Structures are given as C-alpha cells and as structure tokens.
Amino acid sequence: MGTTPQPSFSYEVEKSTDESNNIVTTIKCHGRVVSDTAGQLREVIKPLILQGGRILIDLTAVEHLDSSGLGTLVGLKASAVNAGYCRLELVNLTPRITELLRITKLTQLFSS
C-alpha cells in the first residue's frame, strides 16, 4: 500500500560569469519550497551570499511556495542586501508566485 515519496525539493547550482566578468550563481529550484524544505534552500544560498556576486534563484520548476518558503526568500534577500556586495534576484517566476509576491506586497523588494 505504501509508495515511496518523491523528493519534494531539489536544486542545481550553476556558476558562470557575466559580460563584466562578475560571478553569477544560478540556483535552479525544483519541487516545493515549503516549511519542510525551505531550510535546504537557505543552507545552499547563505554561504553563496558571503562570496558576493550575483545570485539568481530560478523558480521555473517550483510547484508550490508557502509562507515558510516565502519567508526564507525574504530573509535571504535581506541578508544579501545587508552584505552589500551580493545581488540576489528571483528569475523565471511562475504566474502563481508572481501573484503571491503581488498580494504580499513583496514585488518591490525582489525587483531591486
């Protein structure tokens, strides 16, 4: 009767450089960024903030984002802003995540 649960969150990290030779790190997220998995996202991104450069969190394949996941993203953005030498951006947002940012009035935070 039991089925093996599929991993609810995974990610891939890709490093590159932009036209100015600055470090760009892209984290491609897959699955659900929720209370059970948001810590994984925080653990992978926090050390990257200390390295500086530009961090892109690609949400193309994120199926669900709950308040814990949203709170994690806000905390990471605040850490990047406070570090001063790191730029953290959300890219490839789904319509649902775009709407979530709009209704929580966080669109402006992530557009800067």
PDB file of N, CA and C in Angstrom:
ATOM      1  N   MET A   1       0.824  -1.191   0.000  1.00  0.00           N
ATOM      2  CA  MET A   1       0.000   0.000   0.000  1.00  0.00           C
ATOM      3  C   MET A   1       0.864   1.248   0.000  1.00  0.00           C
ATOM      4  N   GLY A   2       2.057   1.180   0.575  1.00  0.00           N
ATOM      5  CA  GLY A   2       2.903   2.365   0.654  1.00  0.00           C
ATOM      6  C   GLY A   2       3.634   2.628  -0.646  1.00  0.00           C
ATOM      7  N   THR A   3       3.775   3.887  -0.952  1.00  0.00           N
ATOM      8  CA  THR A   3       4.560   4.277  -2.116  1.00  0.00           C
ATOM      9  C   THR A   3       5.762   5.062  -1.617  1.00  0.00           C
ATOM     10  N   THR A   4       6.808   5.007  -2.373  1.00  0.00           N
ATOM     11  CA  THR A   4       7.996   5.745  -1.991  1.00  0.00           C
ATOM     12  C   THR A   4       7.778   7.219  -2.297  1.00  0.00           C
ATOM     13  N   PRO A   5       7.858   8.088  -1.298  1.00  0.00           N
ATOM     14  CA  PRO A   5       7.633   9.509  -1.573  1.00  0.00           C
ATOM     15  C   PRO A   5       8.760  10.069  -2.431  1.00  0.00           C
ATOM     16  N   GLN A   6       8.372  10.891  -3.375  1.00  0.00           N
ATOM     17  CA  GLN A   6       9.358  11.552  -4.222  1.00  0.00           C
ATOM     18  C   GLN A   6       9.958  12.718  -3.454  1.00  0.00           C
ATOM     19  N   PRO A   7      11.220  13.038  -3.721  1.00  0.00           N
ATOM     20  CA  PRO A   7      11.798  14.200  -3.057  1.00  0.00           C
ATOM     21  C   PRO A   7      10.955  15.423  -3.384  1.00  0.00           C
ATOM     22  N   SER A   8      10.634  16.204  -2.361  1.00  0.00           N
ATOM     23  CA  SER A   8       9.747  17.333  -2.597  1.00  0.00           C
ATOM     24  C   SER A   8      10.511  18.586  -3.013  1.00  0.00           C
ATOM     25  N   PHE A   9      11.835  18.579  -2.871  1.00  0.00           N
ATOM     26  CA  PHE A   9      12.616  19.742  -3.274  1.00  0.00           C
ATOM     27  C   PHE A   9      14.001  19.284  -3.711  1.00  0.00           C
ATOM     28  N   SER A  10      14.475  19.859  -4.794  1.00  0.00           N
ATOM     29  CA  SER A  10      15.842  19.631  -5.235  1.00  0.00           C
ATOM     30  C   SER A  10      16.321  20.899  -5.924  1.00  0.00           C
ATOM     31  N   TYR A  11      17.613  20.954  -6.158  1.00  0.00           N
ATOM     32  CA  TYR A  11      18.160  22.147  -6.804  1.00  0.00           C
ATOM     33  C   TYR A  11      19.434  21.779  -7.548  1.00  0.00           C
ATOM     34  N   GLU A  12      19.795  22.643  -8.469  1.00  0.00           N
ATOM     35  CA  GLU A  12      21.061  22.534  -9.194  1.00  0.00           C
ATOM     36  C   GLU A  12      21.734  23.897  -9.077  1.00  0.00           C
ATOM     37  N   VAL A  13      23.041  23.892  -8.896  1.00  0.00           N
ATOM     38  CA  VAL A  13      23.802  25.139  -8.809  1.00  0.00           C
ATOM     39  C   VAL A  13      24.695  25.247 -10.042  1.00  0.00           C
ATOM     40  N   GLU A  14      24.584  26.365 -10.734  1.00  0.00           N
ATOM     41  CA  GLU A  14      25.414  26.623 -11.902  1.00  0.00           C
ATOM     42  C   GLU A  14      26.180  27.922 -11.688  1.00  0.00           C
ATOM     43  N   LYS A  15      27.477  27.890 -11.938  1.00  0.00           N
ATOM     44  CA  LYS A  15      28.310  29.088 -11.812  1.00  0.00           C
ATOM     45  C   LYS A  15      28.721  29.544 -13.203  1.00  0.00           C
ATOM     46  N   SER A  16      28.736  30.859 -13.391  1.00  0.00           N
ATOM     47  CA  SER A  16      29.172  31.440 -14.657  1.00  0.00           C
ATOM     48  C   SER A  16      29.673  32.862 -14.374  1.00  0.00           C
ATOM     49  N   THR A  17      30.008  33.569 -15.417  1.00  0.00           N
ATOM     50  CA  THR A  17      30.382  34.977 -15.274  1.00  0.00           C
ATOM     51  C   THR A  17      29.578  35.786 -16.277  1.00  0.00           C
ATOM     52  N   ASP A  18      29.335  37.053 -15.933  1.00  0.00           N
ATOM     53  CA  ASP A  18      28.612  37.918 -16.854  1.00  0.00           C
ATOM     54  C   ASP A  18      29.601  38.652 -17.761  1.00  0.00           C
ATOM     55  N   GLU A  19      29.092  39.580 -18.560  1.00  0.00           N
ATOM     56  CA  GLU A  19      29.935  40.294 -19.519  1.00  0.00           C
ATOM     57  C   GLU A  19      31.024  41.136 -18.844  1.00  0.00           C
ATOM     58  N   SER A  20      30.820  41.489 -17.582  1.00  0.00           N
ATOM     59  CA  SER A  20      31.830  42.254 -16.836  1.00  0.00           C
ATOM     60  C   SER A  20      32.749  41.347 -16.026  1.00  0.00           C
ATOM     61  N   ASN A  21      32.647  40.050 -16.257  1.00  0.00           N
ATOM     62  CA  ASN A  21      33.451  39.034 -15.566  1.00  0.00           C
ATOM     63  C   ASN A  21      33.124  38.916 -14.077  1.00  0.00           C
ATOM     64  N   ASN A  22      31.895  39.293 -13.699  1.00  0.00           N
ATOM     65  CA  ASN A  22      31.430  39.117 -12.324  1.00  0.00           C
ATOM     66  C   ASN A  22      30.856  37.711 -12.168  1.00  0.00           C
ATOM     67  N   ILE A  23      30.972  37.166 -10.970  1.00  0.00           N
ATOM     68  CA  ILE A  23      30.447  35.826 -10.688  1.00  0.00           C
ATOM     69  C   ILE A  23      28.916  35.848 -10.691  1.00  0.00           C
ATOM     70  N   VAL A  24      28.317  34.914 -11.398  1.00  0.00           N
ATOM     71  CA  VAL A  24      26.866  34.731 -11.396  1.00  0.00           C
ATOM     72  C   VAL A  24      26.604  33.281 -10.996  1.00  0.00           C
ATOM     73  N   THR A  25      25.842  33.100  -9.922  1.00  0.00           N
ATOM     74  CA  THR A  25      25.474  31.764  -9.467  1.00  0.00           C
ATOM     75  C   THR A  25      23.969  31.607  -9.639  1.00  0.00           C
ATOM     76  N   THR A  26      23.567  30.591 -10.373  1.00  0.00           N
ATOM     77  CA  THR A  26      22.145  30.316 -10.584  1.00  0.00           C
ATOM     78  C   THR A  26      21.774  29.060  -9.814  1.00  0.00           C
ATOM     79  N   ILE A  27      20.727  29.187  -8.995  1.00  0.00           N
ATOM     80  CA  ILE A  27      20.194  28.039  -8.271  1.00  0.00           C
ATOM     81  C   ILE A  27      18.853  27.701  -8.909  1.00  0.00           C
ATOM     82  N   LYS A  28      18.799  26.572  -9.609  1.00  0.00           N
ATOM     83  CA  LYS A  28      17.563  26.137 -10.257  1.00  0.00           C
ATOM     84  C   LYS A  28      16.803  25.252  -9.281  1.00  0.00           C
ATOM     85  N   CYS A  29      15.676  25.749  -8.811  1.00  0.00           N
ATOM     86  CA  CYS A  29      14.880  25.041  -7.809  1.00  0.00           C
ATOM     87  C   CYS A  29      13.806  24.189  -8.483  1.00  0.00           C
ATOM     88  N   HIS A  30      13.570  23.012  -7.908  1.00  0.00           N
ATOM     89  CA  HIS A  30      12.566  22.081  -8.419  1.00  0.00           C
ATOM     90  C   HIS A  30      11.706  21.595  -7.258  1.00  0.00           C
ATOM     91  N   GLY A  31      10.408  21.548  -7.475  1.00  0.00           N
ATOM     92  CA  GLY A  31       9.523  20.965  -6.470  1.00  0.00           C
ATOM     93  C   GLY A  31       8.832  21.993  -5.607  1.00  0.00           C
ATOM     94  N   ARG A  32       8.864  21.753  -4.309  1.00  0.00           N
ATOM     95  CA  ARG A  32       8.093  22.559  -3.358  1.00  0.00           C
ATOM     96  C   ARG A  32       9.032  23.268  -2.375  1.00  0.00           C
ATOM     97  N   VAL A  33       8.887  24.590  -2.288  1.00  0.00           N
ATOM     98  CA  VAL A  33       9.633  25.354  -1.289  1.00  0.00           C
ATOM     99  C   VAL A  33       8.629  25.670  -0.182  1.00  0.00           C
ATOM    100  N   VAL A  34       8.615  24.776   0.800  1.00  0.00           N
ATOM    101  CA  VAL A  34       7.625  24.829   1.888  1.00  0.00           C
ATOM    102  C   VAL A  34       8.341  24.653   3.226  1.00  0.00           C
ATOM    103  N   SER A  35       7.583  24.625   4.292  1.00  0.00           N
ATOM    104  CA  SER A  35       8.184  24.570   5.630  1.00  0.00           C
ATOM    105  C   SER A  35       9.181  23.425   5.794  1.00  0.00           C
ATOM    106  N   ASP A  36       8.899  22.269   5.191  1.00  0.00           N
ATOM    107  CA  ASP A  36       9.797  21.118   5.325  1.00  0.00           C
ATOM    108  C   ASP A  36      11.079  21.242   4.509  1.00  0.00           C
ATOM    109  N   THR A  37      11.076  22.097   3.475  1.00  0.00           N
ATOM    110  CA  THR A  37      12.210  22.147   2.551  1.00  0.00           C
ATOM    111  C   THR A  37      12.915  23.501   2.490  1.00  0.00           C
ATOM    112  N   ALA A  38      12.315  24.531   3.043  1.00  0.00           N
ATOM    113  CA  ALA A  38      12.880  25.879   2.942  1.00  0.00           C
ATOM    114  C   ALA A  38      14.282  25.954   3.555  1.00  0.00           C
ATOM    115  N   GLY A  39      14.533  25.177   4.590  1.00  0.00           N
ATOM    116  CA  GLY A  39      15.853  25.152   5.222  1.00  0.00           C
ATOM    117  C   GLY A  39      16.945  24.706   4.262  1.00  0.00           C
ATOM    118  N   GLN A  40      16.628  23.767   3.368  1.00  0.00           N
ATOM    119  CA  GLN A  40      17.597  23.309   2.377  1.00  0.00           C
ATOM    120  C   GLN A  40      18.020  24.466   1.475  1.00  0.00           C
ATOM    121  N   LEU A  41      17.050  25.254   1.052  1.00  0.00           N
ATOM    122  CA  LEU A  41      17.337  26.397   0.187  1.00  0.00           C
ATOM    123  C   LEU A  41      18.214  27.405   0.927  1.00  0.00           C
ATOM    124  N   ARG A  42      17.872  27.668   2.177  1.00  0.00           N
ATOM    125  CA  ARG A  42      18.665  28.603   2.989  1.00  0.00           C
ATOM    126  C   ARG A  42      20.101  28.104   3.137  1.00  0.00           C
ATOM    127  N   GLU A  43      20.270  26.814   3.395  1.00  0.00           N
ATOM    128  CA  GLU A  43      21.606  26.242   3.602  1.00  0.00           C
ATOM    129  C   GLU A  43      22.497  26.353   2.367  1.00  0.00           C
ATOM    130  N   VAL A  44      21.909  26.249   1.186  1.00  0.00           N
ATOM    131  CA  VAL A  44      22.723  26.334  -0.024  1.00  0.00           C
ATOM    132  C   VAL A  44      23.036  27.788  -0.399  1.00  0.00           C
ATOM    133  N   ILE A  45      22.133  28.709  -0.098  1.00  0.00           N
ATOM    134  CA  ILE A  45      22.324  30.091  -0.552  1.00  0.00           C
ATOM    135  C   ILE A  45      23.102  30.948   0.436  1.00  0.00           C
ATOM    136  N   LYS A  46      22.929  30.750   1.730  1.00  0.00           N
ATOM    137  CA  LYS A  46      23.631  31.582   2.736  1.00  0.00           C
ATOM    138  C   LYS A  46      25.133  31.677   2.478  1.00  0.00           C
ATOM    139  N   PRO A  47      25.845  30.562   2.279  1.00  0.00           N
ATOM    140  CA  PRO A  47      27.293  30.669   2.027  1.00  0.00           C
ATOM    141  C   PRO A  47      27.613  31.399   0.720  1.00  0.00           C
ATOM    142  N   LEU A  48      26.723  31.307  -0.257  1.00  0.00           N
ATOM    143  CA  LEU A  48      26.944  31.985  -1.533  1.00  0.00           C
ATOM    144  C   LEU A  48      26.876  33.497  -1.381  1.00  0.00           C
ATOM    145  N   ILE A  49      26.030  33.970  -0.463  1.00  0.00           N
ATOM    146  CA  ILE A  49      25.910  35.409  -0.219  1.00  0.00           C
ATOM    147  C   ILE A  49      27.253  35.965   0.250  1.00  0.00           C
ATOM    148  N   LEU A  50      27.932  35.208   1.099  1.00  0.00           N
ATOM    149  CA  LEU A  50      29.228  35.660   1.625  1.00  0.00           C
ATOM    150  C   LEU A  50      30.292  35.746   0.534  1.00  0.00           C
ATOM    151  N   GLN A  51      30.119  34.995  -0.554  1.00  0.00           N
ATOM    152  CA  GLN A  51      31.070  35.025  -1.660  1.00  0.00           C
ATOM    153  C   GLN A  51      30.863  36.237  -2.563  1.00  0.00           C
ATOM    154  N   GLY A  52      29.712  36.885  -2.421  1.00  0.00           N
ATOM    155  CA  GLY A  52      29.421  38.058  -3.239  1.00  0.00           C
ATOM    156  C   GLY A  52      28.985  37.689  -4.636  1.00  0.00           C
ATOM    157  N   GLY A  53      28.905  38.690  -5.494  1.00  0.00           N
ATOM    158  CA  GLY A  53      28.479  38.468  -6.865  1.00  0.00           C
ATOM    159  C   GLY A  53      26.977  38.535  -7.001  1.00  0.00           C
ATOM    160  N   ARG A  54      26.479  37.862  -8.005  1.00  0.00           N
ATOM    161  CA  ARG A  54      25.051  37.881  -8.332  1.00  0.00           C
ATOM    162  C   ARG A  54      24.503  36.476  -8.176  1.00  0.00           C
ATOM    163  N   ILE A  55      23.401  36.359  -7.436  1.00  0.00           N
ATOM    164  CA  ILE A  55      22.752  35.074  -7.217  1.00  0.00           C
ATOM    165  C   ILE A  55      21.365  35.127  -7.841  1.00  0.00           C
ATOM    166  N   LEU A  56      21.102  34.186  -8.734  1.00  0.00           N
ATOM    167  CA  LEU A  56      19.797  34.089  -9.374  1.00  0.00           C
ATOM    168  C   LEU A  56      19.094  32.843  -8.849  1.00  0.00           C
ATOM    169  N   ILE A  57      17.929  33.028  -8.270  1.00  0.00           N
ATOM    170  CA  ILE A  57      17.132  31.897  -7.812  1.00  0.00           C
ATOM    171  C   ILE A  57      16.069  31.664  -8.883  1.00  0.00           C
ATOM    172  N   ASP A  58      16.248  30.575  -9.635  1.00  0.00           N
ATOM    173  CA  ASP A  58      15.364  30.246 -10.751  1.00  0.00           C
ATOM    174  C   ASP A  58      14.197  29.412 -10.228  1.00  0.00           C
ATOM    175  N   LEU A  59      12.988  29.973 -10.336  1.00  0.00           N
ATOM    176  CA  LEU A  59      11.803  29.322  -9.780  1.00  0.00           C
ATOM    177  C   LEU A  59      10.925  28.673 -10.848  1.00  0.00           C
ATOM    178  N   THR A  60      11.459  28.468 -12.042  1.00  0.00           N
ATOM    179  CA  THR A  60      10.698  27.878 -13.151  1.00  0.00           C
ATOM    180  C   THR A  60       9.978  26.601 -12.743  1.00  0.00           C
ATOM    181  N   ALA A  61      10.681  25.705 -12.063  1.00  0.00           N
ATOM    182  CA  ALA A  61      10.138  24.382 -11.759  1.00  0.00           C
ATOM    183  C   ALA A  61       9.617  24.256 -10.330  1.00  0.00           C
ATOM    184  N   VAL A  62       9.340  25.394  -9.682  1.00  0.00           N
ATOM    185  CA  VAL A  62       8.779  25.344  -8.325  1.00  0.00           C
ATOM    186  C   VAL A  62       7.268  25.165  -8.432  1.00  0.00           C
ATOM    187  N   GLU A  63       6.787  24.065  -7.874  1.00  0.00           N
ATOM    188  CA  GLU A  63       5.364  23.731  -7.942  1.00  0.00           C
ATOM    189  C   GLU A  63       4.555  24.445  -6.875  1.00  0.00           C
ATOM    190  N   HIS A  64       5.184  24.683  -5.721  1.00  0.00           N
ATOM    191  CA  HIS A  64       4.439  25.307  -4.615  1.00  0.00           C
ATOM    192  C   HIS A  64       5.402  26.092  -3.733  1.00  0.00           C
ATOM    193  N   LEU A  65       4.956  27.250  -3.293  1.00  0.00           N
ATOM    194  CA  LEU A  65       5.716  28.101  -2.382  1.00  0.00           C
ATOM    195  C   LEU A  65       4.761  28.517  -1.281  1.00  0.00           C
ATOM    196  N   ASP A  66       5.067  28.124  -0.030  1.00  0.00           N
ATOM    197  CA  ASP A  66       4.186  28.506   1.076  1.00  0.00           C
ATOM    198  C   ASP A  66       4.800  29.661   1.854  1.00  0.00           C
ATOM    199  N   SER A  67       4.191  30.031   2.961  1.00  0.00           N
ATOM    200  CA  SER A  67       4.659  31.185   3.738  1.00  0.00           C
ATOM    201  C   SER A  67       6.067  30.969   4.283  1.00  0.00           C
ATOM    202  N   SER A  68       6.413  29.750   4.633  1.00  0.00           N
ATOM    203  CA  SER A  68       7.773  29.472   5.105  1.00  0.00           C
ATOM    204  C   SER A  68       8.788  29.663   3.989  1.00  0.00           C
ATOM    205  N   GLY A  69       8.446  29.185   2.812  1.00  0.00           N
ATOM    206  CA  GLY A  69       9.322  29.368   1.658  1.00  0.00           C
ATOM    207  C   GLY A  69       9.475  30.837   1.309  1.00  0.00           C
ATOM    208  N   LEU A  70       8.369  31.561   1.354  1.00  0.00           N
ATOM    209  CA  LEU A  70       8.402  32.993   1.071  1.00  0.00           C
ATOM    210  C   LEU A  70       9.238  33.722   2.124  1.00  0.00           C
ATOM    211  N   GLY A  71       9.055  33.344   3.387  1.00  0.00           N
ATOM    212  CA  GLY A  71       9.845  33.954   4.461  1.00  0.00           C
ATOM    213  C   GLY A  71      11.333  33.684   4.291  1.00  0.00           C
ATOM    214  N   THR A  72      11.679  32.489   3.827  1.00  0.00           N
ATOM    215  CA  THR A  72      13.080  32.153   3.562  1.00  0.00           C
ATOM    216  C   THR A  72      13.641  33.041   2.463  1.00  0.00           C
ATOM    217  N   LEU A  73      12.880  33.230   1.388  1.00  0.00           N
ATOM    218  CA  LEU A  73      13.334  34.085   0.291  1.00  0.00           C
ATOM    219  C   LEU A  73      13.527  35.523   0.760  1.00  0.00           C
ATOM    220  N   VAL A  74      12.609  36.021   1.589  1.00  0.00           N
ATOM    221  CA  VAL A  74      12.730  37.385   2.127  1.00  0.00           C
ATOM    222  C   VAL A  74      13.970  37.490   3.007  1.00  0.00           C
ATOM    223  N   GLY A  75      14.201  36.502   3.857  1.00  0.00           N
ATOM    224  CA  GLY A  75      15.384  36.505   4.720  1.00  0.00           C
ATOM    225  C   GLY A  75      16.677  36.475   3.930  1.00  0.00           C
ATOM    226  N   LEU A  76      16.707  35.673   2.870  1.00  0.00           N
ATOM    227  CA  LEU A  76      17.904  35.609   2.026  1.00  0.00           C
ATOM    228  C   LEU A  76      18.141  36.926   1.308  1.00  0.00           C
ATOM    229  N   LYS A  77      17.061  37.550   0.834  1.00  0.00           N
ATOM    230  CA  LYS A  77      17.188  38.849   0.169  1.00  0.00           C
ATOM    231  C   LYS A  77      17.728  39.879   1.159  1.00  0.00           C
ATOM    232  N   ALA A  78      17.212  39.889   2.386  1.00  0.00           N
ATOM    233  CA  ALA A  78      17.690  40.824   3.412  1.00  0.00           C
ATOM    234  C   ALA A  78      19.160  40.575   3.721  1.00  0.00           C
ATOM    235  N   SER A  79      19.572  39.328   3.802  1.00  0.00           N
ATOM    236  CA  SER A  79      20.981  39.002   4.053  1.00  0.00           C
ATOM    237  C   SER A  79      21.862  39.503   2.920  1.00  0.00           C
ATOM    238  N   ALA A  80      21.394  39.348   1.684  1.00  0.00           N
ATOM    239  CA  ALA A  80      22.168  39.821   0.532  1.00  0.00           C
ATOM    240  C   ALA A  80      22.290  41.341   0.542  1.00  0.00           C
ATOM    241  N   VAL A  81      21.201  42.022   0.846  1.00  0.00           N
ATOM    242  CA  VAL A  81      21.217  43.494   0.909  1.00  0.00           C
ATOM    243  C   VAL A  81      22.150  43.954   2.019  1.00  0.00           C
ATOM    244  N   ASN A  82      22.077  43.316   3.174  1.00  0.00           N
ATOM    245  CA  ASN A  82      22.926  43.693   4.308  1.00  0.00           C
ATOM    246  C   ASN A  82      24.397  43.414   4.037  1.00  0.00           C
ATOM    247  N   ALA A  83      24.675  42.360   3.266  1.00  0.00           N
ATOM    248  CA  ALA A  83      26.070  42.049   2.928  1.00  0.00           C
ATOM    249  C   ALA A  83      26.656  43.146   2.050  1.00  0.00           C
ATOM    250  N   GLY A  84      25.811  43.754   1.227  1.00  0.00           N
ATOM    251  CA  GLY A  84      26.236  44.902   0.441  1.00  0.00           C
ATOM    252  C   GLY A  84      26.948  44.583  -0.857  1.00  0.00           C
ATOM    253  N   TYR A  85      27.563  43.453  -0.976  1.00  0.00           N
ATOM    254  CA  TYR A  85      28.328  43.127  -2.183  1.00  0.00           C
ATOM    255  C   TYR A  85      27.755  41.916  -2.905  1.00  0.00           C
ATOM    256  N   CYS A  86      26.499  41.623  -2.627  1.00  0.00           N
ATOM    257  CA  CYS A  86      25.825  40.496  -3.249  1.00  0.00           C
ATOM    258  C   CYS A  86      24.461  40.963  -3.747  1.00  0.00           C
ATOM    259  N   ARG A  87      24.132  40.538  -4.946  1.00  0.00           N
ATOM    260  CA  ARG A  87      22.819  40.862  -5.501  1.00  0.00           C
ATOM    261  C   ARG A  87      22.044  39.565  -5.676  1.00  0.00           C
ATOM    262  N   LEU A  88      20.888  39.468  -5.014  1.00  0.00           N
ATOM    263  CA  LEU A  88      20.066  38.263  -5.077  1.00  0.00           C
ATOM    264  C   LEU A  88      18.786  38.591  -5.842  1.00  0.00           C
ATOM    265  N   GLU A  89      18.493  37.788  -6.859  1.00  0.00           N
ATOM    266  CA  GLU A  89      17.326  38.030  -7.695  1.00  0.00           C
ATOM    267  C   GLU A  89      16.527  36.745  -7.882  1.00  0.00           C
ATOM    268  N   LEU A  90      15.214  36.908  -7.995  1.00  0.00           N
ATOM    269  CA  LEU A  90      14.343  35.796  -8.354  1.00  0.00           C
ATOM    270  C   LEU A  90      14.111  35.885  -9.857  1.00  0.00           C
ATOM    271  N   VAL A  91      14.234  34.762 -10.556  1.00  0.00           N
ATOM    272  CA  VAL A  91      14.017  34.752 -12.002  1.00  0.00           C
ATOM    273  C   VAL A  91      13.062  33.631 -12.382  1.00  0.00           C
ATOM    274  N   ASN A  92      12.438  33.801 -13.536  1.00  0.00           N
ATOM    275  CA  ASN A  92      11.525  32.801 -14.093  1.00  0.00           C
ATOM    276  C   ASN A  92      10.417  32.430 -13.109  1.00  0.00           C
ATOM    277  N   LEU A  93       9.756  33.450 -12.584  1.00  0.00           N
ATOM    278  CA  LEU A  93       8.660  33.214 -11.651  1.00  0.00           C
ATOM    279  C   LEU A  93       7.440  32.679 -12.384  1.00  0.00           C
ATOM    280  N   THR A  94       6.761  31.744 -11.759  1.00  0.00           N
ATOM    281  CA  THR A  94       5.503  31.251 -12.312  1.00  0.00           C
ATOM    282  C   THR A  94       4.440  32.322 -12.073  1.00  0.00           C
ATOM    283  N   PRO A  95       3.335  32.285 -12.821  1.00  0.00           N
ATOM    284  CA  PRO A  95       2.260  33.259 -12.570  1.00  0.00           C
ATOM    285  C   PRO A  95       1.759  33.206 -11.125  1.00  0.00           C
ATOM    286  N   ARG A  96       1.716  32.017 -10.550  1.00  0.00           N
ATOM    287  CA  ARG A  96       1.241  31.888  -9.163  1.00  0.00           C
ATOM    288  C   ARG A  96       2.192  32.587  -8.182  1.00  0.00           C
ATOM    289  N   ILE A  97       3.497  32.413  -8.373  1.00  0.00           N
ATOM    290  CA  ILE A  97       4.466  33.058  -7.484  1.00  0.00           C
ATOM    291  C   ILE A  97       4.463  34.567  -7.700  1.00  0.00           C
ATOM    292  N   THR A  98       4.327  34.999  -8.940  1.00  0.00           N
ATOM    293  CA  THR A  98       4.226  36.439  -9.224  1.00  0.00           C
ATOM    294  C   THR A  98       3.038  37.032  -8.485  1.00  0.00           C
ATOM    295  N   GLU A  99       1.901  36.344  -8.519  1.00  0.00           N
ATOM    296  CA  GLU A  99       0.702  36.814  -7.821  1.00  0.00           C
ATOM    297  C   GLU A  99       0.911  36.800  -6.311  1.00  0.00           C
ATOM    298  N   LEU A 100       1.573  35.786  -5.795  1.00  0.00           N
ATOM    299  CA  LEU A 100       1.860  35.714  -4.364  1.00  0.00           C
ATOM    300  C   LEU A 100       2.706  36.911  -3.921  1.00  0.00           C
ATOM    301  N   LEU A 101       3.725  37.257  -4.701  1.00  0.00           N
ATOM    302  CA  LEU A 101       4.550  38.422  -4.376  1.00  0.00           C
ATOM    303  C   LEU A 101       3.731  39.710  -4.440  1.00  0.00           C
ATOM    304  N   ARG A 102       2.810  39.773  -5.402  1.00  0.00           N
ATOM    305  CA  ARG A 102       1.978  40.977  -5.536  1.00  0.00           C
ATOM    306  C   ARG A 102       1.055  41.142  -4.333  1.00  0.00           C
ATOM    307  N   ILE A 103       0.352  40.087  -3.949  1.00  0.00           N
ATOM    308  CA  ILE A 103      -0.621  40.229  -2.859  1.00  0.00           C
ATOM    309  C   ILE A 103       0.054  40.394  -1.500  1.00  0.00           C
ATOM    310  N   THR A 104       1.294  39.952  -1.369  1.00  0.00           N
ATOM    311  CA  THR A 104       2.028  40.143  -0.112  1.00  0.00           C
ATOM    312  C   THR A 104       2.851  41.434  -0.143  1.00  0.00           C
ATOM    313  N   LYS A 105       2.712  42.180  -1.238  1.00  0.00           N
ATOM    314  CA  LYS A 105       3.412  43.458  -1.418  1.00  0.00           C
ATOM    315  C   LYS A 105       4.935  43.314  -1.350  1.00  0.00           C
ATOM    316  N   LEU A 106       5.440  42.199  -1.888  1.00  0.00           N
ATOM    317  CA  LEU A 106       6.885  41.940  -1.891  1.00  0.00           C
ATOM    318  C   LEU A 106       7.500  42.100  -3.281  1.00  0.00           C
ATOM    319  N   THR A 107       6.685  42.458  -4.264  1.00  0.00           N
ATOM    320  CA  THR A 107       7.198  42.622  -5.631  1.00  0.00           C
ATOM    321  C   THR A 107       8.342  43.623  -5.655  1.00  0.00           C
ATOM    322  N   GLN A 108       8.167  44.750  -4.976  1.00  0.00           N
ATOM    323  CA  GLN A 108       9.180  45.806  -4.964  1.00  0.00           C
ATOM    324  C   GLN A 108      10.490  45.313  -4.341  1.00  0.00           C
ATOM    325  N   LEU A 109      10.407  44.548  -3.271  1.00  0.00           N
ATOM    326  CA  LEU A 109      11.601  44.038  -2.608  1.00  0.00           C
ATOM    327  C   LEU A 109      12.456  43.212  -3.576  1.00  0.00           C
ATOM    328  N   PHE A 110      11.805  42.359  -4.347  1.00  0.00           N
ATOM    329  CA  PHE A 110      12.554  41.460  -5.226  1.00  0.00           C
ATOM    330  C   PHE A 110      12.853  42.063  -6.587  1.00  0.00           C
ATOM    331  N   SER A 111      12.346  43.259  -6.847  1.00  0.00           N
ATOM    332  CA  SER A 111      12.670  43.904  -8.123  1.00  0.00           C
ATOM    333  C   SER A 111      13.854  44.844  -7.984  1.00  0.00           C
ATOM    334  N   SER A 112      14.380  44.979  -6.772  1.00  0.00           N
ATOM    335  CA  SER A 112      15.536  45.874  -6.573  1.00  0.00           C
ATOM    336  C   SER A 112      16.820  45.099  -6.410  1.00  0.00           C
TER     337      SER A 112
END
